């Protein structure tokens, strides 16, 4: 076996300064696309604000309605109680007792019957 050494030819390297290449950076989006994106973002913000405002108004209106319904229910209860009280106080026996207390007497010839509505 032959063990011969080979000389690798080397070219003389000349060191040159790398040239600075000025590249104009181009953005991924054009100006028109940026404007459209900005308008879209503004529209989304406006629509979101409008929806939130509408929901707040709906909430406050529903709250007022519930308060009015509870007020109406309480007034209906008072009215029912007063109706029951009127029917209790307008019984014949009670009217007759009050008349006796005031010194009135029953004269059958002057009695007129009145129908209640």
C-alpha atoms as a PDB file:
ATOM      1  CA  UNK A   1       0.000   0.000   0.000  1.00  0.00           C
ATOM      2  CA  UNK A   2       1.106   3.213  -0.912  1.00  0.00           C
ATOM      3  CA  UNK A   3       0.803   5.959   1.453  1.00  0.00           C
ATOM      4  CA  UNK A   4       1.293   9.029  -0.538  1.00  0.00           C
ATOM      5  CA  UNK A   5       0.324  12.362   0.690  1.00  0.00           C
ATOM      6  CA  UNK A   6      -1.586  14.555  -1.530  1.00  0.00           C
ATOM      7  CA  UNK A   7      -1.368  18.212  -1.435  1.00  0.00           C
ATOM      8  CA  UNK A   8      -4.688  19.833  -1.583  1.00  0.00           C
ATOM      9  CA  UNK A   9      -4.594  22.733  -3.825  1.00  0.00           C
ATOM     10  CA  UNK A  10      -5.666  25.823  -2.066  1.00  0.00           C
ATOM     11  CA  UNK A  11      -6.595  28.902  -3.881  1.00  0.00           C
ATOM     12  CA  UNK A  12      -5.355  32.008  -2.323  1.00  0.00           C
ATOM     13  CA  UNK A  13      -8.338  33.667  -0.684  1.00  0.00           C
ATOM     14  CA  UNK A  14      -8.693  37.329  -1.110  1.00  0.00           C
ATOM     15  CA  UNK A  15     -10.656  38.848   1.609  1.00  0.00           C
ATOM     16  CA  UNK A  16     -13.038  41.399   0.285  1.00  0.00           C
ATOM     17  CA  UNK A  17     -15.210  43.515   2.420  1.00  0.00           C
ATOM     18  CA  UNK A  18     -18.815  42.426   2.102  1.00  0.00           C
ATOM     19  CA  UNK A  19     -20.826  44.962   0.241  1.00  0.00           C
ATOM     20  CA  UNK A  20     -23.600  46.506   2.203  1.00  0.00           C
ATOM     21  CA  UNK A  21     -26.668  46.020   0.228  1.00  0.00           C
ATOM     22  CA  UNK A  22     -29.387  48.412   1.159  1.00  0.00           C
ATOM     23  CA  UNK A  23     -32.667  46.669   0.762  1.00  0.00           C
ATOM     24  CA  UNK A  24     -35.835  48.601   0.807  1.00  0.00           C
ATOM     25  CA  UNK A  25     -37.993  46.835   3.317  1.00  0.00           C
ATOM     26  CA  UNK A  26     -41.378  46.183   1.954  1.00  0.00           C
ATOM     27  CA  UNK A  27     -44.092  45.543   4.473  1.00  0.00           C
ATOM     28  CA  UNK A  28     -46.347  42.566   4.218  1.00  0.00           C
ATOM     29  CA  UNK A  29     -49.399  44.805   3.836  1.00  0.00           C
ATOM     30  CA  UNK A  30     -50.009  47.661   1.454  1.00  0.00           C
ATOM     31  CA  UNK A  31     -51.274  51.048   2.505  1.00  0.00           C
ATOM     32  CA  UNK A  32     -54.759  50.262   1.200  1.00  0.00           C
ATOM     33  CA  UNK A  33     -54.913  47.037   3.196  1.00  0.00           C
ATOM     34  CA  UNK A  34     -53.832  48.898   6.310  1.00  0.00           C
ATOM     35  CA  UNK A  35     -56.549  51.523   5.794  1.00  0.00           C
ATOM     36  CA  UNK A  36     -59.174  48.846   5.255  1.00  0.00           C
ATOM     37  CA  UNK A  37     -58.041  47.022   8.412  1.00  0.00           C
ATOM     38  CA  UNK A  38     -58.169  50.266  10.422  1.00  0.00           C
ATOM     39  CA  UNK A  39     -61.664  51.078   9.134  1.00  0.00           C
ATOM     40  CA  UNK A  40     -62.804  47.537   9.942  1.00  0.00           C
ATOM     41  CA  UNK A  41     -61.360  47.748  13.466  1.00  0.00           C
ATOM     42  CA  UNK A  42     -63.076  51.108  14.007  1.00  0.00           C
ATOM     43  CA  UNK A  43     -66.364  49.650  12.779  1.00  0.00           C
ATOM     44  CA  UNK A  44     -66.055  46.662  15.127  1.00  0.00           C
ATOM     45  CA  UNK A  45     -65.354  48.993  18.064  1.00  0.00           C
ATOM     46  CA  UNK A  46     -68.323  51.209  17.163  1.00  0.00           C
ATOM     47  CA  UNK A  47     -70.656  48.228  16.739  1.00  0.00           C
ATOM     48  CA  UNK A  48     -69.506  46.735  20.059  1.00  0.00           C
ATOM     49  CA  UNK A  49     -70.072  50.033  21.845  1.00  0.00           C
ATOM     50  CA  UNK A  50     -73.520  50.361  20.286  1.00  0.00           C
ATOM     51  CA  UNK A  51     -74.507  46.829  21.327  1.00  0.00           C
ATOM     52  CA  UNK A  52     -73.275  47.333  24.888  1.00  0.00           C
ATOM     53  CA  UNK A  53     -75.171  50.623  25.161  1.00  0.00           C
ATOM     54  CA  UNK A  54     -78.361  49.004  23.865  1.00  0.00           C
ATOM     55  CA  UNK A  55     -78.024  46.131  26.351  1.00  0.00           C
ATOM     56  CA  UNK A  56     -77.538  48.601  29.207  1.00  0.00           C
ATOM     57  CA  UNK A  57     -80.700  50.465  28.191  1.00  0.00           C
ATOM     58  CA  UNK A  58     -82.628  47.189  27.958  1.00  0.00           C
ATOM     59  CA  UNK A  59     -81.404  46.205  31.424  1.00  0.00           C
ATOM     60  CA  UNK A  60     -82.468  49.508  32.981  1.00  0.00           C
ATOM     61  CA  UNK A  61     -85.860  49.374  31.240  1.00  0.00           C
ATOM     62  CA  UNK A  62     -86.458  45.816  32.466  1.00  0.00           C
ATOM     63  CA  UNK A  63     -85.521  46.913  35.982  1.00  0.00           C
ATOM     64  CA  UNK A  64     -88.048  49.763  35.831  1.00  0.00           C
ATOM     65  CA  UNK A  65     -90.728  47.408  34.500  1.00  0.00           C
ATOM     66  CA  UNK A  66     -90.153  44.973  37.363  1.00  0.00           C
ATOM     67  CA  UNK A  67     -90.340  47.779  39.901  1.00  0.00           C
ATOM     68  CA  UNK A  68     -93.597  49.038  38.379  1.00  0.00           C
ATOM     69  CA  UNK A  69     -95.033  45.524  38.324  1.00  0.00           C
ATOM     70  CA  UNK A  70     -94.250  45.091  42.016  1.00  0.00           C
ATOM     71  CA  UNK A  71     -95.841  48.489  42.752  1.00  0.00           C
ATOM     72  CA  UNK A  72     -98.946  47.545  40.768  1.00  0.00           C
ATOM     73  CA  UNK A  73     -99.163  44.195  42.572  1.00  0.00           C
ATOM     74  CA  UNK A  74     -98.926  45.908  45.956  1.00  0.00           C
ATOM     75  CA  UNK A  75    -101.641  48.394  44.949  1.00  0.00           C
ATOM     76  CA  UNK A  76    -103.873  45.551  43.737  1.00  0.00           C
ATOM     77  CA  UNK A  77    -103.486  43.876  47.119  1.00  0.00           C
ATOM     78  CA  UNK A  78    -104.444  47.112  48.878  1.00  0.00           C
ATOM     79  CA  UNK A  79    -107.448  47.513  46.558  1.00  0.00           C
ATOM     80  CA  UNK A  80    -108.589  43.943  47.230  1.00  0.00           C
ATOM     81  CA  UNK A  81    -108.271  44.487  50.975  1.00  0.00           C
ATOM     82  CA  UNK A  82    -110.299  47.689  50.731  1.00  0.00           C
ATOM     83  CA  UNK A  83    -112.957  45.955  48.624  1.00  0.00           C
ATOM     84  CA  UNK A  84    -113.284  43.247  51.275  1.00  0.00           C
ATOM     85  CA  UNK A  85    -113.466  45.908  53.964  1.00  0.00           C
ATOM     86  CA  UNK A  86    -116.212  47.768  52.067  1.00  0.00           C
ATOM     87  CA  UNK A  87    -118.236  44.583  51.666  1.00  0.00           C
ATOM     88  CA  UNK A  88    -117.872  43.836  55.385  1.00  0.00           C
ATOM     89  CA  UNK A  89    -118.879  47.332  56.421  1.00  0.00           C
ATOM     90  CA  UNK A  90    -121.865  47.499  54.103  1.00  0.00           C
ATOM     91  CA  UNK A  91    -123.672  44.485  55.563  1.00  0.00           C
ATOM     92  CA  UNK A  92    -127.239  45.011  56.673  1.00  0.00           C
ATOM     93  CA  UNK A  93    -126.512  44.140  60.293  1.00  0.00           C
ATOM     94  CA  UNK A  94    -123.706  46.688  60.592  1.00  0.00           C
ATOM     95  CA  UNK A  95    -125.781  49.428  58.991  1.00  0.00           C
ATOM     96  CA  UNK A  96    -128.663  48.617  61.354  1.00  0.00           C
ATOM     97  CA  UNK A  97    -126.356  48.774  64.395  1.00  0.00           C
ATOM     98  CA  UNK A  98    -124.976  52.164  63.315  1.00  0.00           C
ATOM     99  CA  UNK A  99    -128.495  53.440  62.769  1.00  0.00           C
ATOM    100  CA  UNK A 100    -129.507  52.350  66.273  1.00  0.00           C
ATOM    101  CA  UNK A 101    -126.415  54.040  67.725  1.00  0.00           C
ATOM    102  CA  UNK A 102    -127.419  57.284  66.035  1.00  0.00           C
ATOM    103  CA  UNK A 103    -130.997  56.986  67.336  1.00  0.00           C
ATOM    104  CA  UNK A 104    -132.691  56.166  64.074  1.00  0.00           C
ATOM    105  CA  UNK A 105    -135.728  53.917  63.905  1.00  0.00           C
ATOM    106  CA  UNK A 106    -137.009  51.706  61.137  1.00  0.00           C
ATOM    107  CA  UNK A 107    -140.108  52.992  59.372  1.00  0.00           C
ATOM    108  CA  UNK A 108    -141.223  50.315  56.904  1.00  0.00           C
ATOM    109  CA  UNK A 109    -143.208  52.796  54.840  1.00  0.00           C
ATOM    110  CA  UNK A 110    -140.083  54.892  54.096  1.00  0.00           C
ATOM    111  CA  UNK A 111    -137.750  52.012  53.221  1.00  0.00           C
ATOM    112  CA  UNK A 112    -136.522  51.936  49.642  1.00  0.00           C
ATOM    113  CA  UNK A 113    -134.466  49.066  48.282  1.00  0.00           C
ATOM    114  CA  UNK A 114    -131.395  50.075  46.297  1.00  0.00           C
ATOM    115  CA  UNK A 115    -129.537  47.585  44.172  1.00  0.00           C
ATOM    116  CA  UNK A 116    -125.758  47.613  44.298  1.00  0.00           C
ATOM    117  CA  UNK A 117    -123.938  47.561  40.964  1.00  0.00           C
END
